[in-house]
Amino acid sequence: MPRKSSVAERHSLLSRYDKLYKEVYSISPTYNRNIEQWASSDLIDSYTLPMCYRMIEYYFLNSSRHDWSHFVYSADKIYKNIIEIDKDKEERFQRRILARRWLSE
């Protein structure tokens, strides 16, 4: 059975979102934390808390729209993009190793 997120983890994710939102807009976001903690819980249960942190950071760096509901709606696309980027980095690293070997021969 999958592990369920704790209340502290849910609010931690929302706090990270609040922090990044405040950095960008210099005001706190307006949403109902008591309702949105359940969306936060679903995200954490699906992707783990560290991955959710990465997803929020990626979202703020690459999106022009920064509302919580849009982030929740786009979470799957964001996750897929992060996985693709990680895969690409690994492939590039392997190619660099092969190129160095080839050049040193």
PDB file of N, CA and C in Angstrom:
ATOM      1  N   MET A   1       0.837  -1.186   0.000  1.00  0.00           N
ATOM      2  CA  MET A   1       0.000   0.000   0.000  1.00  0.00           C
ATOM      3  C   MET A   1       0.882   1.250   0.000  1.00  0.00           C
ATOM      4  N   PRO A   2       0.600   2.216  -0.876  1.00  0.00           N
ATOM      5  CA  PRO A   2       1.425   3.427  -0.927  1.00  0.00           C
ATOM      6  C   PRO A   2       1.326   4.241   0.359  1.00  0.00           C
ATOM      7  N   ARG A   3       2.398   4.913   0.648  1.00  0.00           N
ATOM      8  CA  ARG A   3       2.454   5.754   1.841  1.00  0.00           C
ATOM      9  C   ARG A   3       1.644   7.022   1.610  1.00  0.00           C
ATOM     10  N   LYS A   4       0.873   7.418   2.599  1.00  0.00           N
ATOM     11  CA  LYS A   4       0.088   8.647   2.513  1.00  0.00           C
ATOM     12  C   LYS A   4       0.900   9.821   3.046  1.00  0.00           C
ATOM     13  N   SER A   5       0.696  10.980   2.471  1.00  0.00           N
ATOM     14  CA  SER A   5       1.431  12.165   2.907  1.00  0.00           C
ATOM     15  C   SER A   5       0.887  12.658   4.243  1.00  0.00           C
ATOM     16  N   SER A   6       1.768  13.241   5.016  1.00  0.00           N
ATOM     17  CA  SER A   6       1.370  13.790   6.314  1.00  0.00           C
ATOM     18  C   SER A   6       0.884  15.228   6.134  1.00  0.00           C
ATOM     19  N   VAL A   7       0.244  15.727   7.164  1.00  0.00           N
ATOM     20  CA  VAL A   7      -0.232  17.118   7.143  1.00  0.00           C
ATOM     21  C   VAL A   7       0.950  18.063   6.994  1.00  0.00           C
ATOM     22  N   ALA A   8       2.041  17.756   7.676  1.00  0.00           N
ATOM     23  CA  ALA A   8       3.232  18.609   7.596  1.00  0.00           C
ATOM     24  C   ALA A   8       3.782  18.649   6.169  1.00  0.00           C
ATOM     25  N   GLU A   9       3.797  17.508   5.495  1.00  0.00           N
ATOM     26  CA  GLU A   9       4.289  17.473   4.111  1.00  0.00           C
ATOM     27  C   GLU A   9       3.377  18.269   3.185  1.00  0.00           C
ATOM     28  N   ARG A  10       2.078  18.125   3.378  1.00  0.00           N
ATOM     29  CA  ARG A  10       1.125  18.875   2.538  1.00  0.00           C
ATOM     30  C   ARG A  10       1.346  20.375   2.669  1.00  0.00           C
ATOM     31  N   HIS A  11       1.440  20.829   3.909  1.00  0.00           N
ATOM     32  CA  HIS A  11       1.612  22.262   4.133  1.00  0.00           C
ATOM     33  C   HIS A  11       3.017  22.725   3.745  1.00  0.00           C
ATOM     34  N   SER A  12       3.972  21.829   3.829  1.00  0.00           N
ATOM     35  CA  SER A  12       5.325  22.158   3.395  1.00  0.00           C
ATOM     36  C   SER A  12       5.353  22.449   1.893  1.00  0.00           C
ATOM     37  N   LEU A  13       4.650  21.630   1.128  1.00  0.00           N
ATOM     38  CA  LEU A  13       4.581  21.850  -0.318  1.00  0.00           C
ATOM     39  C   LEU A  13       3.874  23.165  -0.633  1.00  0.00           C
ATOM     40  N   LEU A  14       2.792  23.426   0.055  1.00  0.00           N
ATOM     41  CA  LEU A  14       2.076  24.691  -0.156  1.00  0.00           C
ATOM     42  C   LEU A  14       2.940  25.884   0.255  1.00  0.00           C
ATOM     43  N   SER A  15       3.716  25.721   1.320  1.00  0.00           N
ATOM     44  CA  SER A  15       4.607  26.800   1.758  1.00  0.00           C
ATOM     45  C   SER A  15       5.696  27.074   0.736  1.00  0.00           C
ATOM     46  N   ARG A  16       6.225  26.027   0.118  1.00  0.00           N
ATOM     47  CA  ARG A  16       7.232  26.209  -0.939  1.00  0.00           C
ATOM     48  C   ARG A  16       6.631  26.982  -2.108  1.00  0.00           C
ATOM     49  N   TYR A  17       5.413  26.613  -2.472  1.00  0.00           N
ATOM     50  CA  TYR A  17       4.717  27.345  -3.536  1.00  0.00           C
ATOM     51  C   TYR A  17       4.542  28.812  -3.138  1.00  0.00           C
ATOM     52  N   ASP A  18       4.078  29.046  -1.904  1.00  0.00           N
ATOM     53  CA  ASP A  18       3.876  30.417  -1.415  1.00  0.00           C
ATOM     54  C   ASP A  18       5.164  31.228  -1.492  1.00  0.00           C
ATOM     55  N   LYS A  19       6.264  30.605  -1.086  1.00  0.00           N
ATOM     56  CA  LYS A  19       7.556  31.290  -1.076  1.00  0.00           C
ATOM     57  C   LYS A  19       7.969  31.710  -2.492  1.00  0.00           C
ATOM     58  N   LEU A  20       7.872  30.784  -3.433  1.00  0.00           N
ATOM     59  CA  LEU A  20       8.257  31.106  -4.807  1.00  0.00           C
ATOM     60  C   LEU A  20       7.310  32.142  -5.424  1.00  0.00           C
ATOM     61  N   TYR A  21       6.046  32.032  -5.120  1.00  0.00           N
ATOM     62  CA  TYR A  21       5.073  32.999  -5.627  1.00  0.00           C
ATOM     63  C   TYR A  21       5.386  34.390  -5.093  1.00  0.00           C
ATOM     64  N   LYS A  22       5.696  34.455  -3.804  1.00  0.00           N
ATOM     65  CA  LYS A  22       6.003  35.744  -3.185  1.00  0.00           C
ATOM     66  C   LYS A  22       7.291  36.343  -3.749  1.00  0.00           C
ATOM     67  N   GLU A  23       8.271  35.503  -4.081  1.00  0.00           N
ATOM     68  CA  GLU A  23       9.505  35.992  -4.696  1.00  0.00           C
ATOM     69  C   GLU A  23       9.231  36.635  -6.059  1.00  0.00           C
ATOM     70  N   VAL A  24       8.310  36.055  -6.811  1.00  0.00           N
ATOM     71  CA  VAL A  24       8.019  36.554  -8.147  1.00  0.00           C
ATOM     72  C   VAL A  24       7.125  37.789  -8.114  1.00  0.00           C
ATOM     73  N   TYR A  25       6.081  37.743  -7.293  1.00  0.00           N
ATOM     74  CA  TYR A  25       5.059  38.792  -7.337  1.00  0.00           C
ATOM     75  C   TYR A  25       5.075  39.754  -6.146  1.00  0.00           C
ATOM     76  N   SER A  26       5.870  39.499  -5.144  1.00  0.00           N
ATOM     77  CA  SER A  26       5.974  40.328  -3.934  1.00  0.00           C
ATOM     78  C   SER A  26       4.669  40.417  -3.141  1.00  0.00           C
ATOM     79  N   ILE A  27       3.767  39.495  -3.376  1.00  0.00           N
ATOM     80  CA  ILE A  27       2.553  39.373  -2.569  1.00  0.00           C
ATOM     81  C   ILE A  27       2.274  37.884  -2.347  1.00  0.00           C
ATOM     82  N   SER A  28       1.510  37.598  -1.335  1.00  0.00           N
ATOM     83  CA  SER A  28       1.153  36.206  -1.069  1.00  0.00           C
ATOM     84  C   SER A  28       0.041  35.758  -2.014  1.00  0.00           C
ATOM     85  N   PRO A  29       0.062  34.495  -2.415  1.00  0.00           N
ATOM     86  CA  PRO A  29      -1.011  34.008  -3.287  1.00  0.00           C
ATOM     87  C   PRO A  29      -2.331  33.910  -2.518  1.00  0.00           C
ATOM     88  N   THR A  30      -3.419  33.986  -3.237  1.00  0.00           N
ATOM     89  CA  THR A  30      -4.728  33.873  -2.594  1.00  0.00           C
ATOM     90  C   THR A  30      -5.379  32.559  -3.014  1.00  0.00           C
ATOM     91  N   TYR A  31      -5.476  31.652  -2.092  1.00  0.00           N
ATOM     92  CA  TYR A  31      -6.180  30.389  -2.270  1.00  0.00           C
ATOM     93  C   TYR A  31      -6.490  29.839  -0.891  1.00  0.00           C
ATOM     94  N   ASN A  32      -7.396  28.897  -0.824  1.00  0.00           N
ATOM     95  CA  ASN A  32      -7.800  28.303   0.435  1.00  0.00           C
ATOM     96  C   ASN A  32      -6.881  27.128   0.759  1.00  0.00           C
ATOM     97  N   ARG A  33      -5.981  27.327   1.715  1.00  0.00           N
ATOM     98  CA  ARG A  33      -5.001  26.284   2.059  1.00  0.00           C
ATOM     99  C   ARG A  33      -5.671  25.008   2.552  1.00  0.00           C
ATOM    100  N   ASN A  34      -6.793  25.150   3.247  1.00  0.00           N
ATOM    101  CA  ASN A  34      -7.469  23.964   3.774  1.00  0.00           C
ATOM    102  C   ASN A  34      -8.034  23.090   2.671  1.00  0.00           C
ATOM    103  N   ILE A  35      -8.465  23.690   1.592  1.00  0.00           N
ATOM    104  CA  ILE A  35      -8.965  22.915   0.460  1.00  0.00           C
ATOM    105  C   ILE A  35      -7.800  22.391  -0.374  1.00  0.00           C
ATOM    106  N   GLU A  36      -6.835  23.239  -0.645  1.00  0.00           N
ATOM    107  CA  GLU A  36      -5.740  22.870  -1.536  1.00  0.00           C
ATOM    108  C   GLU A  36      -4.745  21.887  -0.920  1.00  0.00           C
ATOM    109  N   GLN A  37      -4.821  21.691   0.387  1.00  0.00           N
ATOM    110  CA  GLN A  37      -3.933  20.688   0.987  1.00  0.00           C
ATOM    111  C   GLN A  37      -4.243  19.297   0.434  1.00  0.00           C
ATOM    112  N   TRP A  38      -5.472  19.073  -0.029  1.00  0.00           N
ATOM    113  CA  TRP A  38      -5.817  17.758  -0.565  1.00  0.00           C
ATOM    114  C   TRP A  38      -5.216  17.563  -1.948  1.00  0.00           C
ATOM    115  N   ALA A  39      -5.158  18.608  -2.730  1.00  0.00           N
ATOM    116  CA  ALA A  39      -4.458  18.522  -4.019  1.00  0.00           C
ATOM    117  C   ALA A  39      -2.974  18.306  -3.770  1.00  0.00           C
ATOM    118  N   SER A  40      -2.456  18.997  -2.768  1.00  0.00           N
ATOM    119  CA  SER A  40      -1.056  18.831  -2.389  1.00  0.00           C
ATOM    120  C   SER A  40      -0.792  17.381  -1.966  1.00  0.00           C
ATOM    121  N   SER A  41      -1.706  16.827  -1.207  1.00  0.00           N
ATOM    122  CA  SER A  41      -1.573  15.434  -0.761  1.00  0.00           C
ATOM    123  C   SER A  41      -1.536  14.476  -1.948  1.00  0.00           C
ATOM    124  N   ASP A  42      -2.413  14.698  -2.915  1.00  0.00           N
ATOM    125  CA  ASP A  42      -2.429  13.840  -4.104  1.00  0.00           C
ATOM    126  C   ASP A  42      -1.128  13.942  -4.891  1.00  0.00           C
ATOM    127  N   LEU A  43      -0.600  15.146  -5.009  1.00  0.00           N
ATOM    128  CA  LEU A  43       0.672  15.326  -5.713  1.00  0.00           C
ATOM    129  C   LEU A  43       1.798  14.577  -5.005  1.00  0.00           C
ATOM    130  N   ILE A  44       1.857  14.719  -3.694  1.00  0.00           N
ATOM    131  CA  ILE A  44       2.920  14.062  -2.922  1.00  0.00           C
ATOM    132  C   ILE A  44       2.787  12.551  -3.009  1.00  0.00           C
ATOM    133  N   ASP A  45       1.564  12.059  -2.919  1.00  0.00           N
ATOM    134  CA  ASP A  45       1.344  10.611  -3.013  1.00  0.00           C
ATOM    135  C   ASP A  45       1.719  10.073  -4.390  1.00  0.00           C
ATOM    136  N   SER A  46       1.534  10.890  -5.412  1.00  0.00           N
ATOM    137  CA  SER A  46       1.834  10.447  -6.777  1.00  0.00           C
ATOM    138  C   SER A  46       3.310  10.580  -7.137  1.00  0.00           C
ATOM    139  N   TYR A  47       3.971  11.650  -6.679  1.00  0.00           N
ATOM    140  CA  TYR A  47       5.311  11.955  -7.175  1.00  0.00           C
ATOM    141  C   TYR A  47       6.403  12.029  -6.106  1.00  0.00           C
ATOM    142  N   THR A  48       6.126  11.953  -4.866  1.00  0.00           N
ATOM    143  CA  THR A  48       7.018  12.138  -3.706  1.00  0.00           C
ATOM    144  C   THR A  48       7.271  13.633  -3.460  1.00  0.00           C
ATOM    145  N   LEU A  49       7.547  13.962  -2.222  1.00  0.00           N
ATOM    146  CA  LEU A  49       7.736  15.367  -1.843  1.00  0.00           C
ATOM    147  C   LEU A  49       8.941  16.019  -2.530  1.00  0.00           C
ATOM    148  N   PRO A  50      10.119  15.367  -2.552  1.00  0.00           N
ATOM    149  CA  PRO A  50      11.259  16.013  -3.243  1.00  0.00           C
ATOM    150  C   PRO A  50      10.984  16.282  -4.730  1.00  0.00           C
ATOM    151  N   MET A  51      10.297  15.364  -5.395  1.00  0.00           N
ATOM    152  CA  MET A  51       9.971  15.580  -6.805  1.00  0.00           C
ATOM    153  C   MET A  51       8.966  16.721  -6.950  1.00  0.00           C
ATOM    154  N   CYS A  52       8.033  16.826  -6.034  1.00  0.00           N
ATOM    155  CA  CYS A  52       7.075  17.942  -6.075  1.00  0.00           C
ATOM    156  C   CYS A  52       7.787  19.277  -5.914  1.00  0.00           C
ATOM    157  N   TYR A  53       8.796  19.311  -5.051  1.00  0.00           N
ATOM    158  CA  TYR A  53       9.591  20.539  -4.908  1.00  0.00           C
ATOM    159  C   TYR A  53      10.258  20.895  -6.239  1.00  0.00           C
ATOM    160  N   ARG A  54      10.853  19.898  -6.879  1.00  0.00           N
ATOM    161  CA  ARG A  54      11.493  20.139  -8.178  1.00  0.00           C
ATOM    162  C   ARG A  54      10.478  20.604  -9.210  1.00  0.00           C
ATOM    163  N   MET A  55       9.285  20.010  -9.167  1.00  0.00           N
ATOM    164  CA  MET A  55       8.247  20.364 -10.127  1.00  0.00           C
ATOM    165  C   MET A  55       7.793  21.817  -9.941  1.00  0.00           C
ATOM    166  N   ILE A  56       7.649  22.248  -8.695  1.00  0.00           N
ATOM    167  CA  ILE A  56       7.246  23.635  -8.446  1.00  0.00           C
ATOM    168  C   ILE A  56       8.324  24.598  -8.933  1.00  0.00           C
ATOM    169  N   GLU A  57       9.581  24.274  -8.651  1.00  0.00           N
ATOM    170  CA  GLU A  57      10.671  25.139  -9.100  1.00  0.00           C
ATOM    171  C   GLU A  57      10.716  25.204 -10.626  1.00  0.00           C
ATOM    172  N   TYR A  58      10.564  24.060 -11.276  1.00  0.00           N
ATOM    173  CA  TYR A  58      10.531  24.017 -12.739  1.00  0.00           C
ATOM    174  C   TYR A  58       9.367  24.843 -13.268  1.00  0.00           C
ATOM    175  N   TYR A  59       8.225  24.724 -12.614  1.00  0.00           N
ATOM    176  CA  TYR A  59       7.021  25.455 -13.017  1.00  0.00           C
ATOM    177  C   TYR A  59       7.241  26.962 -12.954  1.00  0.00           C
ATOM    178  N   PHE A  60       7.858  27.429 -11.883  1.00  0.00           N
ATOM    179  CA  PHE A  60       8.088  28.871 -11.759  1.00  0.00           C
ATOM    180  C   PHE A  60       9.151  29.364 -12.726  1.00  0.00           C
ATOM    181  N   LEU A  61      10.099  28.545 -13.081  1.00  0.00           N
ATOM    182  CA  LEU A  61      11.127  28.952 -14.038  1.00  0.00           C
ATOM    183  C   LEU A  61      10.624  28.969 -15.477  1.00  0.00           C
ATOM    184  N   ASN A  62       9.677  28.091 -15.796  1.00  0.00           N
ATOM    185  CA  ASN A  62       9.318  27.890 -17.197  1.00  0.00           C
ATOM    186  C   ASN A  62       7.892  28.248 -17.576  1.00  0.00           C
ATOM    187  N   SER A  63       7.109  28.701 -16.647  1.00  0.00           N
ATOM    188  CA  SER A  63       5.729  29.037 -16.956  1.00  0.00           C
ATOM    189  C   SER A  63       5.497  30.528 -16.730  1.00  0.00           C
ATOM    190  N   SER A  64       4.607  31.095 -17.521  1.00  0.00           N
ATOM    191  CA  SER A  64       4.265  32.502 -17.328  1.00  0.00           C
ATOM    192  C   SER A  64       3.048  32.650 -16.421  1.00  0.00           C
ATOM    193  N   ARG A  65       2.385  31.562 -16.159  1.00  0.00           N
ATOM    194  CA  ARG A  65       1.192  31.550 -15.315  1.00  0.00           C
ATOM    195  C   ARG A  65       1.523  30.784 -14.046  1.00  0.00           C
ATOM    196  N   HIS A  66       1.324  31.400 -12.888  1.00  0.00           N
ATOM    197  CA  HIS A  66       1.784  30.784 -11.647  1.00  0.00           C
ATOM    198  C   HIS A  66       0.692  30.572 -10.612  1.00  0.00           C
ATOM    199  N   ASP A  67      -0.498  30.173 -11.019  1.00  0.00           N
ATOM    200  CA  ASP A  67      -1.504  29.907  -9.995  1.00  0.00           C
ATOM    201  C   ASP A  67      -1.509  28.429  -9.628  1.00  0.00           C
ATOM    202  N   TRP A  68      -1.874  28.152  -8.401  1.00  0.00           N
ATOM    203  CA  TRP A  68      -1.795  26.799  -7.839  1.00  0.00           C
ATOM    204  C   TRP A  68      -2.621  25.810  -8.649  1.00  0.00           C
ATOM    205  N   SER A  69      -3.842  26.177  -9.018  1.00  0.00           N
ATOM    206  CA  SER A  69      -4.699  25.237  -9.739  1.00  0.00           C
ATOM    207  C   SER A  69      -4.105  24.867 -11.100  1.00  0.00           C
ATOM    208  N   HIS A  70      -3.448  25.816 -11.744  1.00  0.00           N
ATOM    209  CA  HIS A  70      -2.796  25.510 -13.021  1.00  0.00           C
ATOM    210  C   HIS A  70      -1.612  24.577 -12.800  1.00  0.00           C
ATOM    211  N   PHE A  71      -0.872  24.784 -11.728  1.00  0.00           N
ATOM    212  CA  PHE A  71       0.235  23.881 -11.410  1.00  0.00           C
ATOM    213  C   PHE A  71      -0.269  22.461 -11.190  1.00  0.00           C
ATOM    214  N   VAL A  72      -1.328  22.315 -10.401  1.00  0.00           N
ATOM    215  CA  VAL A  72      -1.883  20.986 -10.121  1.00  0.00           C
ATOM    216  C   VAL A  72      -2.357  20.331 -11.416  1.00  0.00           C
ATOM    217  N   TYR A  73      -3.029  21.099 -12.247  1.00  0.00           N
ATOM    218  CA  TYR A  73      -3.532  20.588 -13.519  1.00  0.00           C
ATOM    219  C   TYR A  73      -2.385  20.156 -14.440  1.00  0.00           C
ATOM    220  N   SER A  74      -1.285  20.886 -14.406  1.00  0.00           N
ATOM    221  CA  SER A  74      -0.155  20.632 -15.304  1.00  0.00           C
ATOM    222  C   SER A  74       0.908  19.712 -14.713  1.00  0.00           C
ATOM    223  N   ALA A  75       0.686  19.194 -13.529  1.00  0.00           N
ATOM    224  CA  ALA A  75       1.722  18.431 -12.823  1.00  0.00           C
ATOM    225  C   ALA A  75       2.249  17.259 -13.637  1.00  0.00           C
ATOM    226  N   ASP A  76       1.386  16.538 -14.320  1.00  0.00           N
ATOM    227  CA  ASP A  76       1.837  15.380 -15.092  1.00  0.00           C
ATOM    228  C   ASP A  76       2.754  15.795 -16.235  1.00  0.00           C
ATOM    229  N   LYS A  77       2.413  16.863 -16.920  1.00  0.00           N
ATOM    230  CA  LYS A  77       3.267  17.365 -18.007  1.00  0.00           C
ATOM    231  C   LYS A  77       4.614  17.847 -17.470  1.00  0.00           C
ATOM    232  N   ILE A  78       4.565  18.525 -16.341  1.00  0.00           N
ATOM    233  CA  ILE A  78       5.800  19.014 -15.724  1.00  0.00           C
ATOM    234  C   ILE A  78       6.689  17.841 -15.339  1.00  0.00           C
ATOM    235  N   TYR A  79       6.091  16.824 -14.744  1.00  0.00           N
ATOM    236  CA  TYR A  79       6.843  15.625 -14.343  1.00  0.00           C
ATOM    237  C   TYR A  79       7.502  14.975 -15.560  1.00  0.00           C
ATOM    238  N   LYS A  80       6.746  14.818 -16.627  1.00  0.00           N
ATOM    239  CA  LYS A  80       7.302  14.205 -17.842  1.00  0.00           C
ATOM    240  C   LYS A  80       8.458  15.028 -18.401  1.00  0.00           C
ATOM    241  N   ASN A  81       8.325  16.349 -18.367  1.00  0.00           N
ATOM    242  CA  ASN A  81       9.411  17.216 -18.841  1.00  0.00           C
ATOM    243  C   ASN A  81      10.663  17.056 -17.993  1.00  0.00           C
ATOM    244  N   ILE A  82      10.503  16.997 -16.682  1.00  0.00           N
ATOM    245  CA  ILE A  82      11.657  16.828 -15.797  1.00  0.00           C
ATOM    246  C   ILE A  82      12.335  15.494 -16.058  1.00  0.00           C
ATOM    247  N   ILE A  83      11.555  14.434 -16.234  1.00  0.00           N
ATOM    248  CA  ILE A  83      12.125  13.107 -16.529  1.00  0.00           C
ATOM    249  C   ILE A  83      12.881  13.140 -17.849  1.00  0.00           C
ATOM    250  N   GLU A  84      12.321  13.794 -18.857  1.00  0.00           N
ATOM    251  CA  GLU A  84      12.996  13.907 -20.156  1.00  0.00           C
ATOM    252  C   GLU A  84      14.307  14.683 -20.037  1.00  0.00           C
ATOM    253  N   ILE A  85      14.298  15.752 -19.261  1.00  0.00           N
ATOM    254  CA  ILE A  85      15.516  16.549 -19.064  1.00  0.00           C
ATOM    255  C   ILE A  85      16.579  15.715 -18.367  1.00  0.00           C
ATOM    256  N   ASP A  86      16.195  14.973 -17.329  1.00  0.00           N
ATOM    257  CA  ASP A  86      17.149  14.116 -16.619  1.00  0.00           C
ATOM    258  C   ASP A  86      17.716  13.042 -17.542  1.00  0.00           C
ATOM    259  N   LYS A  87      16.851  12.462 -18.348  1.00  0.00           N
ATOM    260  CA  LYS A  87      17.284  11.432 -19.293  1.00  0.00           C
ATOM    261  C   LYS A  87      18.254  12.028 -20.314  1.00  0.00           C
ATOM    262  N   ASP A  88      17.954  13.211 -20.812  1.00  0.00           N
ATOM    263  CA  ASP A  88      18.812  13.887 -21.772  1.00  0.00           C
ATOM    264  C   ASP A  88      20.179  14.201 -21.164  1.00  0.00           C
ATOM    265  N   LYS A  89      20.178  14.680 -19.925  1.00  0.00           N
ATOM    266  CA  LYS A  89      21.454  14.965 -19.251  1.00  0.00           C
ATOM    267  C   LYS A  89      22.303  13.709 -19.122  1.00  0.00           C
ATOM    268  N   GLU A  90      21.671  12.599 -18.769  1.00  0.00           N
ATOM    269  CA  GLU A  90      22.403  11.343 -18.624  1.00  0.00           C
ATOM    270  C   GLU A  90      22.966  10.885 -19.972  1.00  0.00           C
ATOM    271  N   GLU A  91      22.160  10.986 -21.031  1.00  0.00           N
ATOM    272  CA  GLU A  91      22.636  10.594 -22.362  1.00  0.00           C
ATOM    273  C   GLU A  91      23.804  11.472 -22.814  1.00  0.00           C
ATOM    274  N   ARG A  92      23.714  12.761 -22.567  1.00  0.00           N
ATOM    275  CA  ARG A  92      24.809  13.664 -22.932  1.00  0.00           C
ATOM    276  C   ARG A  92      26.077  13.336 -22.152  1.00  0.00           C
ATOM    277  N   PHE A  93      25.919  13.007 -20.869  1.00  0.00           N
ATOM    278  CA  PHE A  93      27.060  12.642 -20.053  1.00  0.00           C
ATOM    279  C   PHE A  93      27.731  11.392 -20.611  1.00  0.00           C
ATOM    280  N   GLN A  94      26.942  10.391 -20.971  1.00  0.00           N
ATOM    281  CA  GLN A  94      27.487   9.155 -21.538  1.00  0.00           C
ATOM    282  C   GLN A  94      28.191   9.427 -22.870  1.00  0.00           C
ATOM    283  N   ARG A  95      27.623  10.291 -23.677  1.00  0.00           N
ATOM    284  CA  ARG A  95      28.260  10.637 -24.960  1.00  0.00           C
ATOM    285  C   ARG A  95      29.581  11.352 -24.750  1.00  0.00           C
ATOM    286  N   ARG A  96      29.648  12.232 -23.750  1.00  0.00           N
ATOM    287  CA  ARG A  96      30.911  12.914 -23.454  1.00  0.00           C
ATOM    288  C   ARG A  96      31.982  11.910 -23.035  1.00  0.00           C
ATOM    289  N   ILE A  97      31.602  10.934 -22.242  1.00  0.00           N
ATOM    290  CA  ILE A  97      32.561   9.901 -21.833  1.00  0.00           C
ATOM    291  C   ILE A  97      33.061   9.139 -23.053  1.00  0.00           C
ATOM    292  N   LEU A  98      32.147   8.750 -23.934  1.00  0.00           N
ATOM    293  CA  LEU A  98      32.559   8.034 -25.150  1.00  0.00           C
ATOM    294  C   LEU A  98      33.442   8.905 -26.042  1.00  0.00           C
ATOM    295  N   ALA A  99      33.118  10.186 -26.151  1.00  0.00           N
ATOM    296  CA  ALA A  99      33.924  11.091 -26.981  1.00  0.00           C
ATOM    297  C   ALA A  99      35.326  11.251 -26.397  1.00  0.00           C
ATOM    298  N   ARG A 100      35.434  11.361 -25.078  1.00  0.00           N
ATOM    299  CA  ARG A 100      36.758  11.473 -24.447  1.00  0.00           C
ATOM    300  C   ARG A 100      37.581  10.218 -24.689  1.00  0.00           C
ATOM    301  N   ARG A 101      36.943   9.053 -24.582  1.00  0.00           N
ATOM    302  CA  ARG A 101      37.647   7.807 -24.847  1.00  0.00           C
ATOM    303  C   ARG A 101      38.129   7.754 -26.276  1.00  0.00           C
ATOM    304  N   TRP A 102      37.252   8.138 -27.195  1.00  0.00           N
ATOM    305  CA  TRP A 102      37.590   8.104 -28.606  1.00  0.00           C
ATOM    306  C   TRP A 102      38.728   9.076 -28.928  1.00  0.00           C
ATOM    307  N   LEU A 103      38.707  10.255 -28.324  1.00  0.00           N
ATOM    308  CA  LEU A 103      39.756  11.240 -28.568  1.00  0.00           C
ATOM    309  C   LEU A 103      41.091  10.849 -27.931  1.00  0.00           C
ATOM    310  N   SER A 104      41.038  10.106 -26.858  1.00  0.00           N
ATOM    311  CA  SER A 104      42.284   9.719 -26.184  1.00  0.00           C
ATOM    312  C   SER A 104      42.958   8.516 -26.842  1.00  0.00           C
ATOM    313  N   GLU A 105      42.268   7.861 -27.765  1.00  0.00           N
ATOM    314  CA  GLU A 105      42.881   6.697 -28.444  1.00  0.00           C
ATOM    315  C   GLU A 105      43.891   7.109 -29.465  1.00  0.00           C
TER     316      GLU A 105
END
